[in-house]
């Protein structure tokens, strides 16, 4: 799971296996450690009881909850992402596509085929 923060926007990019896990009901969690006692954690979790994306920041954790029905639909279609505006924040959760200019990188083995790659479309 990749995360990008810019201004009041947070964007997550997920591999195929991460999208599958999320759509099966599992939460995704990752973190970066600044020192043994200081870290930032981010969490994406499907939630059956909500109808819009929710986000919070508590105890150095960015927590984003996604409507489970939307996650399942997104995982089964060609849709690129899920988008929402919980409060002032803009949230994007998108499928991670293979890079067009640097093919064959090991970290892209689990990425989605790029829809702009004419050779694979």
N, C-alpha and C. Protein backbone atom coordinates (compact mmCIF):
# COMPACT_ATOMS: atom_id res chain seq x y z
N UNK A 1 0.86 -1.16 0.00
CA UNK A 1 0.00 0.00 0.00
C UNK A 1 0.91 1.23 0.00
N UNK A 2 0.66 2.08 -0.96
CA UNK A 2 1.39 3.34 -1.04
C UNK A 2 0.47 4.44 -0.54
N UNK A 3 1.08 5.45 0.07
CA UNK A 3 0.31 6.57 0.57
C UNK A 3 0.99 7.87 0.12
N UNK A 4 0.17 8.83 -0.25
CA UNK A 4 0.69 10.14 -0.62
C UNK A 4 -0.13 11.20 0.10
N UNK A 5 0.56 12.11 0.76
CA UNK A 5 -0.07 13.22 1.45
C UNK A 5 0.34 14.50 0.74
N UNK A 6 -0.64 15.32 0.42
CA UNK A 6 -0.35 16.60 -0.21
C UNK A 6 -1.46 17.56 0.16
N UNK A 7 -1.09 18.66 0.82
CA UNK A 7 -2.10 19.59 1.27
C UNK A 7 -3.12 18.88 2.13
N UNK A 8 -4.39 19.03 1.80
CA UNK A 8 -5.46 18.40 2.56
C UNK A 8 -6.00 17.17 1.83
N UNK A 9 -5.10 16.48 1.13
CA UNK A 9 -5.46 15.30 0.35
C UNK A 9 -4.62 14.12 0.80
N UNK A 10 -5.26 12.96 0.90
CA UNK A 10 -4.55 11.72 1.17
C UNK A 10 -4.95 10.72 0.10
N UNK A 11 -3.95 10.07 -0.47
CA UNK A 11 -4.18 9.13 -1.57
C UNK A 11 -3.49 7.81 -1.24
N UNK A 12 -4.25 6.73 -1.34
CA UNK A 12 -3.74 5.39 -1.15
C UNK A 12 -3.74 4.68 -2.50
N UNK A 13 -2.69 3.93 -2.81
CA UNK A 13 -2.66 3.11 -4.01
C UNK A 13 -2.41 1.67 -3.57
N UNK A 14 -3.32 0.78 -4.01
CA UNK A 14 -3.31 -0.61 -3.55
C UNK A 14 -3.00 -1.57 -4.68
N UNK A 15 -2.24 -2.61 -4.36
CA UNK A 15 -1.94 -3.69 -5.30
C UNK A 15 -3.16 -4.59 -5.45
N UNK A 16 -3.07 -5.52 -6.39
CA UNK A 16 -4.18 -6.46 -6.61
C UNK A 16 -4.48 -7.27 -5.35
N UNK A 17 -3.45 -7.81 -4.70
CA UNK A 17 -3.70 -8.64 -3.51
C UNK A 17 -4.26 -7.80 -2.36
N UNK A 18 -3.87 -6.55 -2.25
CA UNK A 18 -4.42 -5.68 -1.21
C UNK A 18 -5.89 -5.37 -1.47
N UNK A 19 -6.25 -5.14 -2.73
CA UNK A 19 -7.65 -4.90 -3.08
C UNK A 19 -8.47 -6.16 -2.77
N UNK A 20 -7.93 -7.32 -3.07
CA UNK A 20 -8.63 -8.58 -2.78
C UNK A 20 -8.84 -8.74 -1.27
N UNK A 21 -7.81 -8.47 -0.48
CA UNK A 21 -7.94 -8.60 0.98
C UNK A 21 -8.97 -7.62 1.52
N UNK A 22 -8.91 -6.37 1.05
CA UNK A 22 -9.86 -5.35 1.50
C UNK A 22 -11.29 -5.75 1.13
N UNK A 23 -11.49 -6.26 -0.08
CA UNK A 23 -12.84 -6.63 -0.52
C UNK A 23 -13.36 -7.86 0.21
N UNK A 24 -12.46 -8.67 0.78
CA UNK A 24 -12.90 -9.83 1.55
C UNK A 24 -13.22 -9.46 3.00
N UNK A 25 -13.04 -8.18 3.34
CA UNK A 25 -13.40 -7.72 4.68
C UNK A 25 -12.22 -7.45 5.60
N UNK A 26 -11.00 -7.71 5.14
CA UNK A 26 -9.82 -7.50 5.97
C UNK A 26 -9.37 -6.04 5.94
N UNK A 27 -8.85 -5.57 7.04
CA UNK A 27 -8.26 -4.24 7.11
C UNK A 27 -6.81 -4.30 6.63
N UNK A 28 -6.34 -3.20 6.09
CA UNK A 28 -4.94 -3.08 5.67
C UNK A 28 -4.27 -2.06 6.57
N UNK A 29 -3.07 -2.38 7.02
CA UNK A 29 -2.34 -1.50 7.93
C UNK A 29 -0.87 -1.48 7.54
N UNK A 30 -0.27 -0.31 7.64
CA UNK A 30 1.16 -0.17 7.41
C UNK A 30 1.67 0.95 8.30
N UNK A 31 3.00 1.07 8.40
CA UNK A 31 3.54 2.13 9.25
C UNK A 31 4.96 2.47 8.84
N UNK A 32 5.37 3.64 9.25
CA UNK A 32 6.74 4.08 9.06
C UNK A 32 7.28 4.42 10.44
N UNK A 33 8.49 3.95 10.72
CA UNK A 33 9.10 4.19 12.03
C UNK A 33 10.16 5.27 11.91
N UNK A 34 10.01 6.30 12.73
CA UNK A 34 10.99 7.37 12.78
C UNK A 34 12.06 7.06 13.83
N UNK A 35 11.67 6.33 14.84
CA UNK A 35 12.56 5.85 15.90
C UNK A 35 11.81 4.72 16.58
N UNK A 36 12.45 3.99 17.50
CA UNK A 36 11.73 2.90 18.17
C UNK A 36 10.43 3.32 18.86
N UNK A 37 10.35 4.56 19.28
CA UNK A 37 9.14 4.99 20.00
C UNK A 37 8.26 5.96 19.21
N UNK A 38 8.64 6.30 17.99
CA UNK A 38 7.87 7.27 17.20
C UNK A 38 7.60 6.70 15.81
N UNK A 39 6.32 6.60 15.48
CA UNK A 39 5.93 6.04 14.19
C UNK A 39 4.61 6.67 13.74
N UNK A 40 4.33 6.51 12.47
CA UNK A 40 3.06 6.92 11.89
C UNK A 40 2.45 5.67 11.26
N UNK A 41 1.20 5.40 11.60
CA UNK A 41 0.49 4.23 11.09
C UNK A 41 -0.66 4.70 10.23
N UNK A 42 -0.98 3.93 9.16
CA UNK A 42 -2.17 4.20 8.38
C UNK A 42 -2.94 2.90 8.20
N UNK A 43 -4.25 3.06 8.21
CA UNK A 43 -5.15 1.91 8.22
C UNK A 43 -6.30 2.17 7.26
N UNK A 44 -6.61 1.19 6.43
CA UNK A 44 -7.80 1.20 5.59
C UNK A 44 -8.66 0.02 6.03
N UNK A 45 -9.93 0.27 6.30
CA UNK A 45 -10.80 -0.81 6.77
C UNK A 45 -12.17 -0.71 6.11
N UNK A 46 -12.68 -1.83 5.60
CA UNK A 46 -14.05 -1.83 5.09
C UNK A 46 -15.02 -1.86 6.27
N UNK A 47 -16.13 -1.15 6.11
CA UNK A 47 -17.13 -1.08 7.19
C UNK A 47 -18.51 -1.27 6.59
N UNK A 48 -19.24 -2.30 6.99
CA UNK A 48 -20.55 -2.57 6.39
C UNK A 48 -21.63 -1.56 6.75
N UNK A 49 -21.47 -0.85 7.85
CA UNK A 49 -22.55 0.00 8.33
C UNK A 49 -22.46 1.46 7.87
N UNK A 50 -21.49 1.79 7.03
CA UNK A 50 -21.37 3.18 6.58
C UNK A 50 -21.67 3.29 5.09
N UNK A 51 -22.02 4.50 4.65
CA UNK A 51 -22.35 4.72 3.23
C UNK A 51 -21.42 5.72 2.56
N UNK A 52 -20.52 6.32 3.33
CA UNK A 52 -19.55 7.27 2.78
C UNK A 52 -18.21 7.07 3.48
N UNK A 53 -17.14 7.46 2.82
CA UNK A 53 -15.80 7.33 3.39
C UNK A 53 -15.70 8.18 4.66
N UNK A 54 -15.09 7.59 5.68
CA UNK A 54 -14.84 8.29 6.94
C UNK A 54 -13.34 8.27 7.22
N UNK A 55 -12.84 9.31 7.85
CA UNK A 55 -11.41 9.38 8.18
C UNK A 55 -11.21 10.01 9.55
N UNK A 56 -10.13 9.57 10.21
CA UNK A 56 -9.81 10.10 11.52
C UNK A 56 -8.30 10.00 11.73
N UNK A 57 -7.80 10.77 12.67
CA UNK A 57 -6.38 10.71 13.04
C UNK A 57 -6.30 10.70 14.56
N UNK A 58 -5.92 9.55 15.13
CA UNK A 58 -5.86 9.37 16.57
C UNK A 58 -4.61 8.57 16.91
N UNK A 59 -3.88 9.01 17.92
CA UNK A 59 -2.70 8.27 18.40
C UNK A 59 -1.74 7.92 17.27
N UNK A 60 -1.40 8.91 16.45
CA UNK A 60 -0.44 8.75 15.34
C UNK A 60 -0.91 7.74 14.29
N UNK A 61 -2.23 7.55 14.18
CA UNK A 61 -2.79 6.63 13.19
C UNK A 61 -3.80 7.35 12.31
N UNK A 62 -3.57 7.27 11.00
CA UNK A 62 -4.54 7.74 10.02
C UNK A 62 -5.46 6.56 9.75
N UNK A 63 -6.72 6.68 10.12
CA UNK A 63 -7.69 5.59 9.95
C UNK A 63 -8.75 6.01 8.95
N UNK A 64 -8.88 5.24 7.87
CA UNK A 64 -9.89 5.51 6.85
C UNK A 64 -10.80 4.30 6.77
N UNK A 65 -12.10 4.55 6.92
CA UNK A 65 -13.11 3.49 6.81
C UNK A 65 -13.84 3.68 5.49
N UNK A 66 -14.03 2.56 4.79
CA UNK A 66 -14.67 2.58 3.47
C UNK A 66 -15.95 1.77 3.50
N UNK A 67 -17.00 2.24 2.82
CA UNK A 67 -18.23 1.44 2.75
C UNK A 67 -17.92 0.08 2.09
N UNK A 68 -18.21 -0.99 2.79
CA UNK A 68 -17.86 -2.33 2.31
C UNK A 68 -18.50 -2.65 0.96
N UNK A 69 -19.74 -2.24 0.75
CA UNK A 69 -20.39 -2.53 -0.53
C UNK A 69 -19.68 -1.82 -1.68
N UNK A 70 -19.19 -0.61 -1.44
CA UNK A 70 -18.45 0.12 -2.48
C UNK A 70 -17.10 -0.54 -2.75
N UNK A 71 -16.45 -1.02 -1.71
CA UNK A 71 -15.16 -1.71 -1.87
C UNK A 71 -15.35 -2.96 -2.72
N UNK A 72 -16.38 -3.74 -2.43
CA UNK A 72 -16.61 -4.98 -3.19
C UNK A 72 -16.91 -4.67 -4.65
N UNK A 73 -17.74 -3.68 -4.91
CA UNK A 73 -18.05 -3.30 -6.28
C UNK A 73 -16.80 -2.82 -7.01
N UNK A 74 -16.01 -1.99 -6.36
CA UNK A 74 -14.77 -1.45 -6.93
C UNK A 74 -13.81 -2.58 -7.29
N UNK A 75 -13.67 -3.56 -6.41
CA UNK A 75 -12.75 -4.67 -6.64
C UNK A 75 -13.15 -5.52 -7.83
N UNK A 76 -14.44 -5.58 -8.13
CA UNK A 76 -14.95 -6.44 -9.20
C UNK A 76 -15.09 -5.74 -10.54
N UNK A 77 -14.79 -4.45 -10.60
CA UNK A 77 -14.97 -3.69 -11.83
C UNK A 77 -13.66 -3.06 -12.28
N UNK A 78 -13.72 -2.35 -13.40
CA UNK A 78 -12.57 -1.63 -13.93
C UNK A 78 -12.42 -0.24 -13.30
N UNK A 79 -13.28 0.12 -12.36
CA UNK A 79 -13.20 1.43 -11.71
C UNK A 79 -11.81 1.61 -11.10
N UNK A 80 -11.27 2.81 -11.21
CA UNK A 80 -9.93 3.09 -10.72
C UNK A 80 -9.90 3.27 -9.21
N UNK A 81 -10.89 3.97 -8.66
CA UNK A 81 -10.79 4.25 -7.25
C UNK A 81 -12.09 4.57 -6.56
N UNK A 82 -11.96 4.78 -5.27
CA UNK A 82 -13.03 5.25 -4.40
C UNK A 82 -12.61 6.62 -3.90
N UNK A 83 -13.55 7.56 -3.87
CA UNK A 83 -13.22 8.94 -3.53
C UNK A 83 -14.25 9.50 -2.55
N UNK A 84 -13.78 10.33 -1.65
CA UNK A 84 -14.68 10.94 -0.70
C UNK A 84 -14.09 12.18 -0.08
N UNK A 85 -14.95 12.91 0.60
CA UNK A 85 -14.57 14.15 1.28
C UNK A 85 -15.11 14.16 2.70
N UNK A 86 -14.49 13.34 3.59
CA UNK A 86 -14.93 13.40 4.98
C UNK A 86 -14.43 14.70 5.62
N UNK A 87 -15.33 15.61 5.87
CA UNK A 87 -14.95 16.91 6.40
C UNK A 87 -14.19 17.70 5.35
N UNK A 88 -13.11 18.30 5.75
CA UNK A 88 -12.29 19.12 4.84
C UNK A 88 -11.29 18.28 4.06
N UNK A 89 -11.11 17.05 4.44
CA UNK A 89 -10.12 16.16 3.84
C UNK A 89 -10.64 15.56 2.54
N UNK A 90 -9.76 15.41 1.56
CA UNK A 90 -10.09 14.70 0.33
C UNK A 90 -9.36 13.36 0.37
N UNK A 91 -10.10 12.26 0.18
CA UNK A 91 -9.53 10.91 0.25
C UNK A 91 -9.70 10.22 -1.09
N UNK A 92 -8.61 9.59 -1.56
CA UNK A 92 -8.64 8.78 -2.77
C UNK A 92 -8.01 7.43 -2.44
N UNK A 93 -8.71 6.35 -2.79
CA UNK A 93 -8.19 5.00 -2.64
C UNK A 93 -8.24 4.40 -4.03
N UNK A 94 -7.06 4.14 -4.61
CA UNK A 94 -7.00 3.76 -6.02
C UNK A 94 -6.20 2.48 -6.23
N UNK A 95 -6.49 1.83 -7.34
CA UNK A 95 -5.71 0.66 -7.76
C UNK A 95 -4.34 1.17 -8.24
N UNK A 96 -3.30 0.43 -7.89
CA UNK A 96 -1.94 0.79 -8.28
C UNK A 96 -1.63 0.12 -9.62
N UNK A 97 -1.41 0.94 -10.64
CA UNK A 97 -1.14 0.43 -11.98
C UNK A 97 0.37 0.33 -12.23
N UNK A 98 0.73 -0.60 -13.11
CA UNK A 98 2.13 -0.75 -13.50
C UNK A 98 2.62 0.52 -14.20
N UNK A 99 3.86 0.82 -13.97
CA UNK A 99 4.49 1.99 -14.58
C UNK A 99 4.71 1.72 -16.07
N UNK A 100 4.45 2.72 -16.90
CA UNK A 100 4.65 2.57 -18.35
C UNK A 100 6.11 2.77 -18.76
N UNK A 101 6.88 3.47 -17.96
CA UNK A 101 8.24 3.80 -18.37
C UNK A 101 9.31 2.95 -17.70
N UNK A 102 8.97 2.22 -16.66
CA UNK A 102 9.94 1.37 -15.96
C UNK A 102 9.35 -0.01 -15.77
N UNK A 103 9.24 -0.76 -16.82
CA UNK A 103 8.59 -2.08 -16.72
C UNK A 103 9.52 -3.11 -16.10
N UNK A 104 8.92 -4.13 -15.53
CA UNK A 104 9.66 -5.25 -14.98
C UNK A 104 10.21 -5.05 -13.58
N UNK A 105 9.86 -3.98 -12.91
CA UNK A 105 10.35 -3.77 -11.55
C UNK A 105 9.70 -4.78 -10.61
N UNK A 106 10.47 -5.38 -9.71
CA UNK A 106 9.90 -6.39 -8.81
C UNK A 106 8.71 -5.89 -8.00
N UNK A 107 8.74 -4.63 -7.56
CA UNK A 107 7.65 -4.11 -6.75
C UNK A 107 6.35 -3.92 -7.53
N UNK A 108 6.42 -4.07 -8.85
CA UNK A 108 5.22 -3.90 -9.66
C UNK A 108 4.59 -5.24 -10.07
N UNK A 109 5.13 -6.33 -9.58
CA UNK A 109 4.61 -7.66 -9.95
C UNK A 109 3.15 -7.83 -9.55
N UNK A 110 2.73 -7.18 -8.49
CA UNK A 110 1.36 -7.32 -7.98
C UNK A 110 0.48 -6.12 -8.37
N UNK A 111 1.02 -5.24 -9.21
CA UNK A 111 0.25 -4.06 -9.64
C UNK A 111 -0.77 -4.46 -10.70
N UNK A 112 -1.77 -3.62 -10.86
CA UNK A 112 -2.78 -3.84 -11.90
C UNK A 112 -2.18 -3.50 -13.26
N UNK A 113 -2.61 -4.18 -14.33
CA UNK A 113 -2.16 -3.80 -15.67
C UNK A 113 -2.55 -2.36 -15.95
N UNK A 114 -1.65 -1.61 -16.55
CA UNK A 114 -1.93 -0.21 -16.83
C UNK A 114 -2.89 -0.11 -18.01
N UNK A 115 -4.02 0.56 -17.85
CA UNK A 115 -5.00 0.65 -18.95
C UNK A 115 -4.49 1.48 -20.14
N UNK A 116 -3.39 2.20 -19.94
CA UNK A 116 -2.83 3.02 -21.04
C UNK A 116 -1.72 2.28 -21.77
N UNK A 117 -1.46 1.04 -21.41
CA UNK A 117 -0.44 0.24 -22.09
C UNK A 117 -1.09 -0.46 -23.27
N UNK A 118 -0.95 0.10 -24.46
CA UNK A 118 -1.62 -0.41 -25.67
C UNK A 118 -1.23 -1.85 -25.97
N UNK A 119 -0.03 -2.24 -25.60
CA UNK A 119 0.42 -3.61 -25.88
C UNK A 119 -0.32 -4.65 -25.06
N UNK A 120 -0.90 -4.25 -23.92
CA UNK A 120 -1.56 -5.21 -23.05
C UNK A 120 -3.05 -5.01 -22.99
N UNK A 121 -3.56 -4.03 -23.69
CA UNK A 121 -5.01 -3.76 -23.65
C UNK A 121 -5.73 -4.58 -24.70
